[in-house]
Every structure is written in structure tokens, then in C-alpha cells.
Amino acid sequence: MKKVWYVCRWSVPYLVFVMLTFLMFFQPIDGDEIWNYNFARNIAKGLKPYEDISMVQTPLAAYLAAVFLSVFGDTVIVFRILGAILAVGVFSFTYYVAKQVHQDWLMPFALCSFLALFNMLAWIYNYNNLNLLLVILLMYL
């Protein structure tokens, strides 16, 4: 029984973060999402940032999304799946870092669940959220 409790306590928070990301699939498509999707789509088609595409941001996020789009397909739903993977990564690593600081699982889980619910209304794959993941990964390391 203790082993089942340990496995549930370890895996349930991550499963909840995965389920919360499904909320983003029911949001309407906004201009920022189309803007970031088109950068990635144009790079996947072979165009070069700053030369063929007028870009304001740095192209790392667009290059990573372009690889994902060229492997799994060139649609907005694939781009949203990439955003969901990014969201699960951000909230999972935030939970893990908060759990290391607090030494308990309930308070970090409540915090990260609240952050996930609050952010899923406007979450998209973009360079800001990718930078957030990189900062949290640095905190983890």
C-alpha cells in the first residue's frame, strides 16, 4: 500500500499538469499564435530569418518549432501540441524546483496548479515561454 501511495504522490501532479494543458486546445486562435506559427512555418519551408522573413524577435523559438513542424506536420494544431509540451515542461520543472525548496509536495502542487490554471487562458508557444523554461531548467541544475 505504501508503494502505491508513493507512486501516486510522485506521478499525480505531473498527470494533472498534462490534463490542465488540454484547456489550451479550447481557446480561440489569436494573432500572436498565428504570428509565431508563421515564423516557424516559414523557417520550416526553408526561408531565412532577417533575410527572407522580417523578424523582431530572436529566432531560437521559431527554429525549434520549425523542426517540430517539419517532423510532425505543418498545422496550427501541431503548433499547439508543441505549446502544450512547453507548458507541461514549465509547470513540471516549477513543481520540482518548488518541491526541493519546500520539502513537501502539497504546497508546491497547489502553487503550480494555480499557475497552470491561471496561465492556460493565454498560453501559446513563443519565445517568452521558452525563455521561462530555460530559466527554470537553470534553477533545476
C-alpha atoms as a PDB file:
ATOM      1  CA  MET A   1       0.000   0.000   0.000  1.00  0.00           C
ATOM      2  CA  LYS A   2       2.857   2.372   0.759  1.00  0.00           C
ATOM      3  CA  LYS A   3       4.344   1.732  -2.670  1.00  0.00           C
ATOM      4  CA  VAL A   4       1.047   2.637  -4.388  1.00  0.00           C
ATOM      5  CA  TRP A   5       0.809   5.841  -2.315  1.00  0.00           C
ATOM      6  CA  TYR A   6       4.399   6.734  -3.212  1.00  0.00           C
ATOM      7  CA  VAL A   7       3.813   6.178  -6.942  1.00  0.00           C
ATOM      8  CA  CYS A   8       0.566   8.186  -6.875  1.00  0.00           C
ATOM      9  CA  ARG A   9       2.155  11.016  -4.906  1.00  0.00           C
ATOM     10  CA  TRP A  10       5.010  11.097  -7.391  1.00  0.00           C
ATOM     11  CA  SER A  11       3.034  10.861 -10.642  1.00  0.00           C
ATOM     12  CA  VAL A  12      -0.332  12.527  -9.976  1.00  0.00           C
ATOM     13  CA  PRO A  13       0.959  16.138 -10.011  1.00  0.00           C
ATOM     14  CA  TYR A  14       2.559  15.632 -13.420  1.00  0.00           C
ATOM     15  CA  LEU A  15      -0.595  13.989 -14.771  1.00  0.00           C
ATOM     16  CA  VAL A  16      -2.645  16.934 -13.507  1.00  0.00           C
ATOM     17  CA  PHE A  17      -0.352  19.341 -15.373  1.00  0.00           C
ATOM     18  CA  VAL A  18      -0.837  17.296 -18.546  1.00  0.00           C
ATOM     19  CA  MET A  19      -4.627  17.395 -18.107  1.00  0.00           C
ATOM     20  CA  LEU A  20      -4.608  21.147 -17.435  1.00  0.00           C
ATOM     21  CA  THR A  21      -2.834  21.772 -20.726  1.00  0.00           C
ATOM     22  CA  PHE A  22      -5.853  20.409 -22.579  1.00  0.00           C
ATOM     23  CA  LEU A  23      -7.555  23.702 -21.686  1.00  0.00           C
ATOM     24  CA  MET A  24      -5.383  25.482 -24.211  1.00  0.00           C
ATOM     25  CA  PHE A  25      -6.820  23.436 -27.071  1.00  0.00           C
ATOM     26  CA  PHE A  26     -10.247  25.007 -26.470  1.00  0.00           C
ATOM     27  CA  GLN A  27      -9.012  28.602 -26.682  1.00  0.00           C
ATOM     28  CA  PRO A  28      -9.620  30.562 -29.876  1.00  0.00           C
ATOM     29  CA  ILE A  29      -6.607  31.202 -32.085  1.00  0.00           C
ATOM     30  CA  ASP A  30      -5.241  34.701 -31.548  1.00  0.00           C
ATOM     31  CA  GLY A  31      -2.921  36.909 -33.556  1.00  0.00           C
ATOM     32  CA  ASP A  32       0.225  36.190 -31.533  1.00  0.00           C
ATOM     33  CA  GLU A  33      -0.178  32.465 -32.048  1.00  0.00           C
ATOM     34  CA  ILE A  34      -0.581  32.886 -35.813  1.00  0.00           C
ATOM     35  CA  TRP A  35       2.386  35.263 -35.853  1.00  0.00           C
ATOM     36  CA  ASN A  36       4.678  32.754 -34.081  1.00  0.00           C
ATOM     37  CA  TYR A  37       3.289  29.860 -36.134  1.00  0.00           C
ATOM     38  CA  ASN A  38       4.046  31.672 -39.395  1.00  0.00           C
ATOM     39  CA  PHE A  39       7.647  32.313 -38.324  1.00  0.00           C
ATOM     40  CA  ALA A  40       8.110  28.608 -37.634  1.00  0.00           C
ATOM     41  CA  ARG A  41       6.282  27.579 -40.806  1.00  0.00           C
ATOM     42  CA  ASN A  42       8.383  29.870 -42.991  1.00  0.00           C
ATOM     43  CA  ILE A  43      11.614  28.593 -41.430  1.00  0.00           C
ATOM     44  CA  ALA A  44      10.404  25.008 -41.959  1.00  0.00           C
ATOM     45  CA  LYS A  45       9.876  25.878 -45.632  1.00  0.00           C
ATOM     46  CA  GLY A  46      13.490  26.998 -45.909  1.00  0.00           C
ATOM     47  CA  LEU A  47      13.264  30.771 -45.560  1.00  0.00           C
ATOM     48  CA  LYS A  48      15.939  32.546 -43.520  1.00  0.00           C
ATOM     49  CA  PRO A  49      15.137  34.863 -40.607  1.00  0.00           C
ATOM     50  CA  TYR A  50      16.058  38.544 -41.060  1.00  0.00           C
ATOM     51  CA  GLU A  51      16.872  37.880 -44.724  1.00  0.00           C
ATOM     52  CA  ASP A  52      13.661  36.407 -46.130  1.00  0.00           C
ATOM     53  CA  ILE A  53      11.416  36.909 -43.099  1.00  0.00           C
ATOM     54  CA  SER A  54      11.049  40.177 -41.241  1.00  0.00           C
ATOM     55  CA  MET A  55      11.541  39.170 -37.586  1.00  0.00           C
ATOM     56  CA  VAL A  56      11.511  41.279 -34.450  1.00  0.00           C
ATOM     57  CA  GLN A  57      12.439  38.527 -32.015  1.00  0.00           C
ATOM     58  CA  THR A  58      15.395  36.195 -31.892  1.00  0.00           C
ATOM     59  CA  PRO A  59      14.735  33.064 -33.961  1.00  0.00           C
ATOM     60  CA  LEU A  60      15.615  30.254 -31.492  1.00  0.00           C
ATOM     61  CA  ALA A  61      11.985  29.525 -30.607  1.00  0.00           C
ATOM     62  CA  ALA A  62      10.999  29.644 -34.263  1.00  0.00           C
ATOM     63  CA  TYR A  63      13.818  27.246 -35.231  1.00  0.00           C
ATOM     64  CA  LEU A  64      12.777  24.737 -32.555  1.00  0.00           C
ATOM     65  CA  ALA A  65       9.149  24.996 -33.636  1.00  0.00           C
ATOM     66  CA  ALA A  66      10.178  24.658 -37.299  1.00  0.00           C
ATOM     67  CA  VAL A  67      11.903  21.354 -36.551  1.00  0.00           C
ATOM     68  CA  PHE A  68       8.774  20.173 -34.728  1.00  0.00           C
ATOM     69  CA  LEU A  69       6.515  21.299 -37.597  1.00  0.00           C
ATOM     70  CA  SER A  70       8.671  19.674 -40.269  1.00  0.00           C
ATOM     71  CA  VAL A  71       8.657  16.354 -38.401  1.00  0.00           C
ATOM     72  CA  PHE A  72       5.006  16.182 -37.290  1.00  0.00           C
ATOM     73  CA  GLY A  73       3.163  18.281 -39.869  1.00  0.00           C
ATOM     74  CA  ASP A  74       2.519  21.864 -40.805  1.00  0.00           C
ATOM     75  CA  THR A  75      -0.711  22.714 -38.974  1.00  0.00           C
ATOM     76  CA  VAL A  76      -1.728  25.002 -36.150  1.00  0.00           C
ATOM     77  CA  ILE A  77      -2.828  22.024 -34.016  1.00  0.00           C
ATOM     78  CA  VAL A  78       0.713  20.630 -34.169  1.00  0.00           C
ATOM     79  CA  PHE A  79       1.942  24.057 -33.081  1.00  0.00           C
ATOM     80  CA  ARG A  80      -0.491  23.946 -30.152  1.00  0.00           C
ATOM     81  CA  ILE A  81       0.758  20.482 -29.218  1.00  0.00           C
ATOM     82  CA  LEU A  82       4.250  21.972 -29.065  1.00  0.00           C
ATOM     83  CA  GLY A  83       2.867  24.717 -26.824  1.00  0.00           C
ATOM     84  CA  ALA A  84       1.292  22.055 -24.599  1.00  0.00           C
ATOM     85  CA  ILE A  85       4.628  20.232 -24.327  1.00  0.00           C
ATOM     86  CA  LEU A  86       6.273  23.516 -23.380  1.00  0.00           C
ATOM     87  CA  ALA A  87       3.579  24.207 -20.764  1.00  0.00           C
ATOM     88  CA  VAL A  88       3.928  20.763 -19.206  1.00  0.00           C
ATOM     89  CA  GLY A  89       7.693  21.255 -19.085  1.00  0.00           C
ATOM     90  CA  VAL A  90       7.441  24.663 -17.433  1.00  0.00           C
ATOM     91  CA  PHE A  91       4.926  23.633 -14.797  1.00  0.00           C
ATOM     92  CA  SER A  92       6.606  20.284 -14.116  1.00  0.00           C
ATOM     93  CA  PHE A  93      10.026  21.825 -13.573  1.00  0.00           C
ATOM     94  CA  THR A  94       8.491  24.627 -11.497  1.00  0.00           C
ATOM     95  CA  TYR A  95       6.816  21.993  -9.335  1.00  0.00           C
ATOM     96  CA  TYR A  96      10.051  20.054  -8.988  1.00  0.00           C
ATOM     97  CA  VAL A  97      12.075  23.139  -8.005  1.00  0.00           C
ATOM     98  CA  ALA A  98       9.380  24.285  -5.559  1.00  0.00           C
ATOM     99  CA  LYS A  99       9.246  20.787  -4.078  1.00  0.00           C
ATOM    100  CA  GLN A 100      13.000  20.884  -3.495  1.00  0.00           C
ATOM    101  CA  VAL A 101      12.659  24.224  -1.709  1.00  0.00           C
ATOM    102  CA  HIS A 102       9.607  23.337   0.399  1.00  0.00           C
ATOM    103  CA  GLN A 103      10.374  19.629   1.058  1.00  0.00           C
ATOM    104  CA  ASP A 104       6.696  18.739   0.795  1.00  0.00           C
ATOM    105  CA  TRP A 105       4.545  18.007  -2.223  1.00  0.00           C
ATOM    106  CA  LEU A 106       1.178  19.603  -1.387  1.00  0.00           C
ATOM    107  CA  MET A 107       2.081  23.312  -1.276  1.00  0.00           C
ATOM    108  CA  PRO A 108       4.225  23.227  -4.461  1.00  0.00           C
ATOM    109  CA  PHE A 109       1.485  21.240  -6.192  1.00  0.00           C
ATOM    110  CA  ALA A 110      -1.167  23.788  -5.188  1.00  0.00           C
ATOM    111  CA  LEU A 111       1.064  26.650  -6.325  1.00  0.00           C
ATOM    112  CA  CYS A 112       1.881  25.129  -9.704  1.00  0.00           C
ATOM    113  CA  SER A 113      -1.720  24.041 -10.297  1.00  0.00           C
ATOM    114  CA  PHE A 114      -2.892  27.601  -9.651  1.00  0.00           C
ATOM    115  CA  LEU A 115      -0.221  28.956 -12.007  1.00  0.00           C
ATOM    116  CA  ALA A 116      -1.206  26.447 -14.675  1.00  0.00           C
ATOM    117  CA  LEU A 117      -4.923  27.261 -14.415  1.00  0.00           C
ATOM    118  CA  PHE A 118      -4.196  30.986 -14.452  1.00  0.00           C
ATOM    119  CA  ASN A 119      -1.852  30.804 -17.458  1.00  0.00           C
ATOM    120  CA  MET A 120      -3.727  28.323 -19.656  1.00  0.00           C
ATOM    121  CA  LEU A 121      -6.130  31.065 -20.725  1.00  0.00           C
ATOM    122  CA  ALA A 122      -3.390  32.831 -22.665  1.00  0.00           C
ATOM    123  CA  TRP A 123      -0.614  30.223 -23.077  1.00  0.00           C
ATOM    124  CA  ILE A 124       0.971  29.918 -26.521  1.00  0.00           C
ATOM    125  CA  TYR A 125       4.283  28.682 -27.782  1.00  0.00           C
ATOM    126  CA  ASN A 126       6.524  31.729 -28.057  1.00  0.00           C
ATOM    127  CA  TYR A 127       9.995  32.895 -27.167  1.00  0.00           C
ATOM    128  CA  ASN A 128       8.954  34.308 -23.775  1.00  0.00           C
ATOM    129  CA  ASN A 129       7.643  30.973 -22.551  1.00  0.00           C
ATOM    130  CA  LEU A 130      10.661  29.168 -23.985  1.00  0.00           C
ATOM    131  CA  ASN A 131      12.921  31.547 -22.058  1.00  0.00           C
ATOM    132  CA  LEU A 132      10.879  30.829 -18.930  1.00  0.00           C
ATOM    133  CA  LEU A 133      11.554  27.115 -19.400  1.00  0.00           C
ATOM    134  CA  LEU A 134      15.267  27.754 -19.860  1.00  0.00           C
ATOM    135  CA  VAL A 135      15.439  29.836 -16.655  1.00  0.00           C
ATOM    136  CA  ILE A 136      13.599  27.156 -14.687  1.00  0.00           C
ATOM    137  CA  LEU A 137      15.931  24.496 -16.129  1.00  0.00           C
ATOM    138  CA  LEU A 138      18.887  26.565 -14.945  1.00  0.00           C
ATOM    139  CA  MET A 139      17.338  26.774 -11.475  1.00  0.00           C
ATOM    140  CA  TYR A 140      16.858  22.994 -11.574  1.00  0.00           C
ATOM    141  CA  LEU A 141      20.514  22.430 -12.452  1.00  0.00           C
END
